[in-house]
Amino acid sequence: MKKLKLILATAVVSLSLLALTLFVAEWGVGKYVFVPGSAYSNIRNFITKPYGTAEYLPQPYVNYINNPALKNPDGRYNNNAGLRLTYEVNLQKPDSIYRILFLGGSTTYGCLVHDSDTYQQRLAAILNTQLPASGTPFKKVECLNGGMGAATSAEILTHYLLKYQYMQPDLVLVNAGINDCGAYGNFSGAVYQPDYRHWRRPLQPFKEPSPFVKNLMRYNLVALLVIKLQYSFYFTMTITDNEFQYFNNQNPWFTFGADSMFTTRYNAFYNNLKTVGLTAHSLRQKMLLVTEVIDTLTMPKDFVTLYHTSLLQNNRLLDSLAHNLPCAFLKLDNTEFTSKEFVNDDLDGIHLNPHGERLKAERMAPAIMEIIKGKYPAYTYN
């Protein structure tokens, strides 16, 4: 009996010490690891969302797509093609529909506004109101939002060639330039390559945890274990982080030097979009190039250094492309987009708020309506 009591007492003490250890460990991990804003905290918050999965899915050849499963309460819906649409696109487009395909990055996707506030939705409303008096045979303007967060001209090119051309757009509208600016950065040990392998890595696959695991992850120790075992790659896999990784690309195939990127002969942004334009022309699809707008007043200083000069360069390249392609060109007046048109709580000087999206639509609408009426190719619209 004494031996049994000793065993039980030892077990109680051991369990008590274990419980105390777990309690202290749980508290310590919560206090020092899952700090609000830390990588661990952000990852746990992301993978335990009740409604969602990763915003992007890796796919062969096109790098990644907007996740078709993303249908969440903040008003973002993607269809099976990765377009920001609540419906699937009929590849056999009726002649009565004028279809516009929008290509670009997060400023095209409208990542910080509701579906109804994107400039594509506002454009559709404007153009469809004006359509009856246009004298055209079209009954409806359809706007396909093919924007993707962090997309460069490389993704624009591959998505258009391998997927979107089959949707038979009448007009391909490209509003891009910001995400390509990182290619001009001074990367430690990296050599400029036109395929952008000098500054971007492939997106890694994301596996959503089961509801049971999500529920358990409210405990800090469980969350830490799950992240370490299943999601450690998330510390280096995000698209924007991959753009700014300082790594040396091995075996560079392009040997004309970094300065060559500033010539139209070797500039990837210029030549990627040139290929899109030539392909669109061969398919009798019109093309409209539109410049990006930024707000350098609210933009962080390191962003100004990275983006401002480079974006001016890319906007000039769009101008040059329009001179050399059968396409139209719209240069938005950056001075019209003041700080009040950009998202206040983001303060990156890049993403527009609903008011800015509406202004963007209003500035685009006249040029697009002229193209719908058949006044194309026109080199430039003001």
Protein backbone atom coordinates (compact mmCIF):
# COMPACT_ATOMS: atom_id res chain seq x y z
CA MET A 1 0.00 0.00 0.00
CA LYS A 2 2.82 2.41 0.89
CA LYS A 3 4.47 1.64 -2.42
CA LEU A 4 1.22 2.39 -4.29
CA LYS A 5 0.81 5.67 -2.40
CA LEU A 6 4.37 6.60 -3.27
CA ILE A 7 3.72 5.85 -6.92
CA LEU A 8 0.53 7.88 -6.90
CA ALA A 9 2.23 10.78 -5.08
CA THR A 10 5.08 10.70 -7.57
CA ALA A 11 2.60 10.66 -10.45
CA VAL A 12 0.69 13.61 -9.01
CA VAL A 13 3.86 15.60 -8.51
CA SER A 14 5.09 14.71 -11.99
CA LEU A 15 1.78 15.64 -13.59
CA SER A 16 1.69 18.86 -11.60
CA LEU A 17 5.21 19.75 -12.73
CA LEU A 18 4.30 18.84 -16.29
CA ALA A 19 1.15 20.97 -16.13
CA LEU A 20 3.14 23.84 -14.64
CA THR A 21 5.81 23.46 -17.33
CA LEU A 22 3.19 23.43 -20.07
CA PHE A 23 1.46 26.43 -18.53
CA VAL A 24 4.73 28.40 -18.36
CA ALA A 25 5.67 27.28 -21.87
CA GLU A 26 2.23 28.24 -23.20
CA TRP A 27 2.52 31.64 -21.55
CA GLY A 28 6.10 32.16 -22.71
CA VAL A 29 5.39 31.22 -26.33
CA GLY A 30 2.40 33.54 -26.35
CA LYS A 31 4.36 36.43 -24.85
CA TYR A 32 7.62 36.12 -26.77
CA VAL A 33 6.77 34.26 -29.99
CA PHE A 34 3.19 35.11 -30.94
CA VAL A 35 3.72 38.83 -30.51
CA PRO A 36 1.13 40.91 -32.40
CA GLY A 37 2.61 41.69 -35.82
CA SER A 38 5.29 38.99 -35.64
CA ALA A 39 5.74 36.46 -38.45
CA TYR A 40 4.43 33.64 -36.24
CA SER A 41 1.38 35.64 -35.24
CA ASN A 42 0.65 36.66 -38.82
CA ILE A 43 0.99 33.09 -40.07
CA ARG A 44 -1.34 31.73 -37.37
CA ASN A 45 -3.91 34.44 -38.07
CA PHE A 46 -3.70 33.69 -41.78
CA ILE A 47 -3.95 29.90 -41.75
CA THR A 48 -6.73 29.82 -39.12
CA LYS A 49 -9.08 32.17 -40.98
CA PRO A 50 -12.53 30.61 -40.77
CA TYR A 51 -13.37 31.46 -44.37
CA GLY A 52 -10.20 31.20 -46.25
CA THR A 53 -7.14 29.71 -47.75
CA ALA A 54 -4.08 31.24 -49.36
CA GLU A 55 -4.74 34.25 -51.57
CA TYR A 56 -2.63 32.70 -54.34
CA LEU A 57 -2.03 29.18 -55.61
CA PRO A 58 1.14 28.10 -57.44
CA GLN A 59 0.58 26.72 -60.91
CA PRO A 60 2.97 25.48 -63.59
CA TYR A 61 4.01 27.87 -66.36
CA VAL A 62 1.99 30.87 -65.15
CA ASN A 63 3.71 30.89 -61.71
CA TYR A 64 0.58 31.51 -59.64
CA ILE A 65 -3.11 32.44 -59.85
CA ASN A 66 -5.66 34.12 -57.60
CA ASN A 67 -7.07 31.32 -55.48
CA PRO A 68 -10.52 30.31 -56.84
CA ALA A 69 -11.51 29.26 -53.30
CA LEU A 70 -11.14 32.81 -52.03
CA LYS A 71 -14.69 33.93 -51.36
CA ASN A 72 -14.51 35.90 -48.16
CA PRO A 73 -16.49 38.47 -46.17
CA ASP A 74 -14.31 41.41 -47.20
CA GLY A 75 -15.84 41.28 -50.65
CA ARG A 76 -13.29 39.46 -52.80
CA TYR A 77 -14.41 36.64 -55.05
CA ASN A 78 -12.38 34.77 -57.66
CA ASN A 79 -13.70 32.42 -60.30
CA ASN A 80 -12.15 29.17 -61.51
CA ALA A 81 -9.84 30.99 -63.90
CA GLY A 82 -8.45 33.21 -61.15
CA LEU A 83 -10.32 36.26 -62.41
CA ARG A 84 -11.89 38.55 -59.84
CA LEU A 85 -15.42 37.67 -60.85
CA THR A 86 -18.41 36.03 -59.19
CA TYR A 87 -19.24 34.04 -62.34
CA GLU A 88 -17.46 31.82 -64.87
CA VAL A 89 -16.60 33.29 -68.25
CA ASN A 90 -18.27 31.86 -71.33
CA LEU A 91 -15.43 31.27 -73.80
CA GLN A 92 -17.91 31.49 -76.66
CA LYS A 93 -18.51 35.21 -76.37
CA PRO A 94 -21.74 36.47 -77.95
CA ASP A 95 -21.28 39.16 -80.61
CA SER A 96 -23.52 41.48 -78.62
CA ILE A 97 -20.99 41.66 -75.76
CA TYR A 98 -17.92 43.89 -75.83
CA ARG A 99 -15.42 42.13 -73.57
CA ILE A 100 -12.56 44.01 -71.88
CA LEU A 101 -9.74 42.09 -70.19
CA PHE A 102 -7.81 44.01 -67.52
CA LEU A 103 -4.27 42.87 -66.77
CA GLY A 104 -1.95 44.15 -64.05
CA GLY A 105 -0.98 43.75 -60.40
CA SER A 106 -2.75 44.58 -57.16
CA THR A 107 -3.66 48.05 -58.44
CA THR A 108 -5.67 46.31 -61.16
CA TYR A 109 -7.09 43.66 -58.83
CA GLY A 110 -8.08 46.33 -56.30
CA CYS A 111 -6.83 44.29 -53.37
CA LEU A 112 -7.88 46.80 -50.69
CA VAL A 113 -11.41 47.54 -51.88
CA HIS A 114 -14.69 45.64 -52.15
CA ASP A 115 -15.66 44.03 -55.47
CA SER A 116 -18.22 46.74 -56.15
CA ASP A 117 -15.63 49.49 -55.65
CA THR A 118 -13.00 48.28 -58.14
CA TYR A 119 -12.48 50.57 -61.10
CA GLN A 120 -13.56 47.73 -63.42
CA GLN A 121 -17.00 47.56 -61.83
CA ARG A 122 -17.32 51.33 -61.93
CA LEU A 123 -16.19 51.35 -65.56
CA ALA A 124 -18.76 48.71 -66.46
CA ALA A 125 -21.49 50.88 -64.96
CA ILE A 126 -20.31 54.00 -66.84
CA LEU A 127 -19.80 52.28 -70.18
CA ASN A 128 -23.06 50.35 -70.09
CA THR A 129 -24.92 53.57 -69.35
CA GLN A 130 -23.33 55.23 -72.39
CA LEU A 131 -23.56 52.20 -74.69
CA PRO A 132 -27.14 52.69 -76.00
CA ALA A 133 -26.19 56.08 -77.46
CA SER A 134 -22.87 54.89 -78.87
CA GLY A 135 -24.22 53.74 -82.22
CA THR A 136 -22.47 50.38 -81.84
CA PRO A 137 -24.07 46.92 -82.17
CA PHE A 138 -23.06 45.98 -78.63
CA LYS A 139 -25.67 45.43 -75.95
CA LYS A 140 -23.31 45.08 -72.99
CA VAL A 141 -19.75 45.82 -71.89
CA GLU A 142 -18.19 43.03 -69.85
CA CYS A 143 -15.15 43.75 -67.68
CA LEU A 144 -12.89 40.83 -66.74
CA ASN A 145 -10.58 41.68 -63.85
CA GLY A 146 -7.39 39.67 -64.42
CA GLY A 147 -5.28 41.61 -61.91
CA MET A 148 -3.16 39.68 -59.42
CA GLY A 149 -1.29 40.92 -56.39
CA ALA A 150 2.46 41.36 -57.12
CA ALA A 151 2.03 40.37 -60.79
CA THR A 152 4.78 41.63 -63.09
CA SER A 153 4.82 41.81 -66.88
CA ALA A 154 6.12 38.22 -66.79
CA GLU A 155 2.88 36.97 -65.20
CA ILE A 156 0.85 39.23 -67.50
CA LEU A 157 2.56 37.66 -70.50
CA THR A 158 2.20 34.03 -69.44
CA HIS A 159 -1.40 34.39 -68.28
CA TYR A 160 -2.43 36.10 -71.49
CA LEU A 161 -0.63 33.66 -73.80
CA LEU A 162 -1.65 30.49 -71.97
CA LYS A 163 -5.12 31.39 -70.73
CA TYR A 164 -6.77 34.75 -71.28
CA GLN A 165 -6.44 34.99 -75.06
CA TYR A 166 -8.93 32.12 -75.28
CA MET A 167 -11.57 34.26 -73.59
CA GLN A 168 -11.79 36.32 -76.79
CA PRO A 169 -11.46 39.81 -75.33
CA ASP A 170 -12.22 42.66 -77.70
CA LEU A 171 -9.87 44.92 -75.76
CA VAL A 172 -6.84 44.01 -73.63
CA LEU A 173 -6.18 46.80 -71.13
CA VAL A 174 -2.78 46.66 -69.40
CA ASN A 175 -2.31 48.88 -66.35
CA ALA A 176 1.08 47.84 -65.00
CA GLY A 177 4.59 48.94 -64.14
CA ILE A 178 4.89 49.13 -60.37
CA ASN A 179 5.72 45.49 -59.69
CA ASP A 180 8.39 45.43 -62.38
CA CYS A 181 10.24 48.26 -60.63
CA GLY A 182 11.94 45.82 -58.27
CA ALA A 183 13.87 44.38 -61.21
CA TYR A 184 15.80 47.66 -61.38
CA GLY A 185 16.87 47.36 -57.72
CA ASN A 186 20.44 46.90 -56.59
CA PHE A 187 20.42 43.27 -55.45
CA SER A 188 23.43 42.00 -53.56
CA GLY A 189 25.31 39.65 -55.82
CA ALA A 190 22.39 39.22 -58.21
CA VAL A 191 22.86 39.70 -61.94
CA TYR A 192 19.99 41.15 -64.01
CA GLN A 193 18.14 38.49 -65.97
CA PRO A 194 15.23 39.27 -68.32
CA ASP A 195 13.29 36.29 -66.95
CA TYR A 196 13.42 37.97 -63.49
CA ARG A 197 15.08 35.02 -61.81
CA HIS A 198 17.47 37.53 -60.24
CA TRP A 199 14.81 38.79 -57.83
CA ARG A 200 11.81 36.46 -57.66
CA ARG A 201 11.41 32.88 -56.49
CA PRO A 202 8.57 30.50 -57.38
CA LEU A 203 5.56 30.52 -55.08
CA GLN A 204 5.38 27.47 -52.82
CA PRO A 205 2.18 25.41 -52.38
CA PHE A 206 -0.09 26.09 -49.43
CA LYS A 207 -1.92 23.30 -47.57
CA GLU A 208 -4.90 24.47 -45.57
CA PRO A 209 -5.20 22.86 -42.12
CA SER A 210 -8.36 20.98 -41.20
CA PRO A 211 -11.02 22.71 -39.06
CA PHE A 212 -9.93 20.48 -36.14
CA VAL A 213 -6.30 21.64 -36.41
CA LYS A 214 -7.41 25.24 -36.83
CA ASN A 215 -9.34 24.95 -33.59
CA LEU A 216 -6.37 23.44 -31.74
CA MET A 217 -4.13 26.23 -32.97
CA ARG A 218 -5.71 28.63 -30.51
CA TYR A 219 -3.20 27.09 -28.09
CA ASN A 220 0.21 28.67 -28.54
CA LEU A 221 2.24 25.46 -28.20
CA VAL A 222 0.11 23.63 -30.75
CA ALA A 223 0.24 26.58 -33.13
CA LEU A 224 4.04 26.75 -32.82
CA LEU A 225 4.39 23.02 -33.48
CA VAL A 226 2.06 23.10 -36.52
CA ILE A 227 3.83 26.12 -38.02
CA LYS A 228 7.27 24.60 -37.49
CA LEU A 229 6.25 21.27 -39.02
CA GLN A 230 3.97 22.41 -41.85
CA TYR A 231 4.41 26.11 -42.56
CA SER A 232 8.01 27.05 -41.90
CA PHE A 233 8.40 27.84 -45.62
CA TYR A 234 6.00 30.74 -45.13
CA PHE A 235 8.85 32.74 -43.65
CA THR A 236 10.43 32.97 -47.11
CA MET A 237 7.62 32.20 -49.56
CA THR A 238 5.40 35.28 -49.72
CA ILE A 239 5.34 36.88 -53.13
CA THR A 240 6.41 40.33 -52.03
CA ASP A 241 9.16 38.98 -49.79
CA ASN A 242 10.42 36.89 -52.68
CA GLU A 243 10.75 40.04 -54.74
CA PHE A 244 13.17 41.55 -52.28
CA GLN A 245 15.24 38.55 -51.21
CA TYR A 246 18.95 39.24 -51.38
CA PHE A 247 20.23 36.09 -53.00
CA ASN A 248 22.71 35.35 -55.73
CA ASN A 249 21.23 33.63 -58.75
CA GLN A 250 23.54 30.90 -59.92
CA ASN A 251 24.47 30.24 -63.54
CA PRO A 252 23.10 33.44 -65.11
CA TRP A 253 22.43 32.96 -68.81
CA PHE A 254 22.12 36.65 -69.67
CA THR A 255 25.52 38.35 -69.78
CA PHE A 256 24.92 41.82 -71.20
CA GLY A 257 25.16 43.53 -67.80
CA ALA A 258 22.77 45.41 -65.56
CA ASP A 259 22.80 48.59 -67.66
CA SER A 260 21.22 46.69 -70.56
CA MET A 261 17.89 46.58 -68.68
CA PHE A 262 17.46 50.28 -69.40
CA THR A 263 17.41 49.72 -73.17
CA THR A 264 14.30 48.62 -75.02
CA ARG A 265 16.29 45.80 -76.60
CA TYR A 266 16.78 44.01 -73.28
CA ASN A 267 14.22 45.51 -70.92
CA ALA A 268 11.89 42.73 -69.77
CA PHE A 269 8.93 45.01 -69.00
CA TYR A 270 9.04 46.46 -72.51
CA ASN A 271 9.50 43.17 -74.34
CA ASN A 272 7.00 41.16 -72.29
CA LEU A 273 4.25 43.67 -73.04
CA LYS A 274 5.41 43.97 -76.65
CA THR A 275 4.78 40.24 -77.06
CA VAL A 276 1.33 40.63 -75.49
CA GLY A 277 0.56 43.47 -77.90
CA LEU A 278 1.77 41.65 -81.01
CA THR A 279 -0.17 38.52 -80.05
CA ALA A 280 -3.32 40.54 -79.37
CA HIS A 281 -2.99 42.24 -82.77
CA SER A 282 -2.58 38.89 -84.51
CA LEU A 283 -5.81 37.75 -82.85
CA ARG A 284 -7.60 41.00 -83.82
CA GLN A 285 -7.83 42.01 -80.20
CA LYS A 286 -7.25 45.69 -79.47
CA MET A 287 -4.85 46.83 -76.76
CA LEU A 288 -4.82 49.85 -74.45
CA LEU A 289 -1.78 50.67 -72.31
CA VAL A 290 -2.49 52.76 -69.19
CA THR A 291 0.10 54.30 -66.88
CA GLU A 292 0.15 53.67 -63.12
CA VAL A 293 -0.32 56.40 -60.50
CA ILE A 294 1.36 56.74 -57.11
CA ASP A 295 1.39 59.19 -54.20
CA THR A 296 4.94 59.99 -53.12
CA LEU A 297 3.73 62.11 -50.17
CA THR A 298 2.33 59.16 -48.20
CA MET A 299 4.75 56.61 -49.65
CA PRO A 300 7.57 55.50 -47.29
CA LYS A 301 10.96 56.93 -48.24
CA ASP A 302 12.40 53.55 -49.22
CA PHE A 303 9.39 53.05 -51.50
CA VAL A 304 10.00 56.43 -53.12
CA THR A 305 13.60 55.43 -53.78
CA LEU A 306 12.54 52.10 -55.27
CA TYR A 307 9.41 53.06 -57.17
CA HIS A 308 9.34 56.71 -58.18
CA THR A 309 12.21 56.88 -60.70
CA SER A 310 11.64 53.32 -61.88
CA LEU A 311 7.93 53.87 -62.43
CA LEU A 312 8.63 56.99 -64.47
CA GLN A 313 10.95 54.80 -66.54
CA ASN A 314 8.24 52.17 -67.04
CA ASN A 315 5.63 54.77 -67.93
CA ARG A 316 8.01 56.11 -70.60
CA LEU A 317 8.39 52.56 -71.88
CA LEU A 318 4.61 52.28 -72.20
CA ASP A 319 4.71 55.47 -74.24
CA SER A 320 7.44 54.00 -76.43
CA LEU A 321 5.50 50.77 -76.86
CA ALA A 322 2.46 52.68 -78.02
CA HIS A 323 4.64 54.33 -80.68
CA ASN A 324 5.76 50.95 -81.98
CA LEU A 325 2.65 48.82 -81.62
CA PRO A 326 -0.81 49.03 -83.14
CA CYS A 327 -2.34 49.97 -79.80
CA ALA A 328 -3.73 52.88 -77.83
CA PHE A 329 -2.11 54.69 -74.91
CA LEU A 330 -3.67 56.52 -71.99
CA LYS A 331 -1.45 58.53 -69.67
CA LEU A 332 -3.24 59.20 -66.42
CA ASP A 333 -2.48 62.56 -64.82
CA ASN A 334 -0.72 61.62 -61.60
CA THR A 335 -1.37 65.08 -60.12
CA GLU A 336 -5.13 64.38 -60.13
CA PHE A 337 -4.64 61.49 -57.71
CA THR A 338 -3.91 63.18 -54.41
CA SER A 339 -3.40 61.54 -51.01
CA LYS A 340 -7.16 61.42 -50.41
CA GLU A 341 -7.50 58.94 -53.31
CA PHE A 342 -5.16 56.41 -51.69
CA VAL A 343 -5.85 53.96 -48.87
CA ASN A 344 -5.19 55.79 -45.60
CA ASP A 345 -4.52 52.81 -43.35
CA ASP A 346 -2.06 51.28 -45.80
CA LEU A 347 0.03 54.38 -46.44
CA ASP A 348 2.04 52.79 -49.22
CA GLY A 349 1.10 55.45 -51.77
CA ILE A 350 0.19 52.77 -54.31
CA HIS A 351 -3.28 51.35 -53.64
CA LEU A 352 -6.38 53.43 -54.27
CA ASN A 353 -9.41 53.68 -52.00
CA PRO A 354 -12.99 53.55 -53.38
CA HIS A 355 -12.86 57.27 -54.21
CA GLY A 356 -9.60 56.77 -56.10
CA GLU A 357 -10.96 53.74 -57.95
CA ARG A 358 -13.96 55.81 -59.05
CA LEU A 359 -11.70 58.62 -60.29
CA LYS A 360 -9.59 56.11 -62.19
CA ALA A 361 -12.68 54.70 -63.89
CA GLU A 362 -13.89 58.18 -64.81
CA ARG A 363 -10.54 59.02 -66.41
CA MET A 364 -10.42 55.75 -68.36
CA ALA A 365 -14.01 55.71 -69.59
CA PRO A 366 -13.77 58.32 -72.43
CA ALA A 367 -10.77 56.60 -74.07
CA ILE A 368 -12.36 53.16 -73.80
CA MET A 369 -15.65 54.40 -75.25
CA GLU A 370 -13.79 55.88 -78.21
CA ILE A 371 -12.17 52.48 -78.81
CA ILE A 372 -15.54 50.71 -78.55
CA LYS A 373 -16.85 53.11 -81.19
CA GLY A 374 -14.06 52.00 -83.51
CA LYS A 375 -11.65 54.92 -83.20
CA TYR A 376 -8.60 52.68 -83.04
CA PRO A 377 -5.69 52.54 -83.15
CA ALA A 378 -5.29 55.98 -81.69
CA TYR A 379 -1.85 56.56 -80.26
CA THR A 380 -2.75 58.56 -77.20
CA TYR A 381 -5.70 59.76 -75.18
CA ASN A 382 -5.47 62.57 -72.64
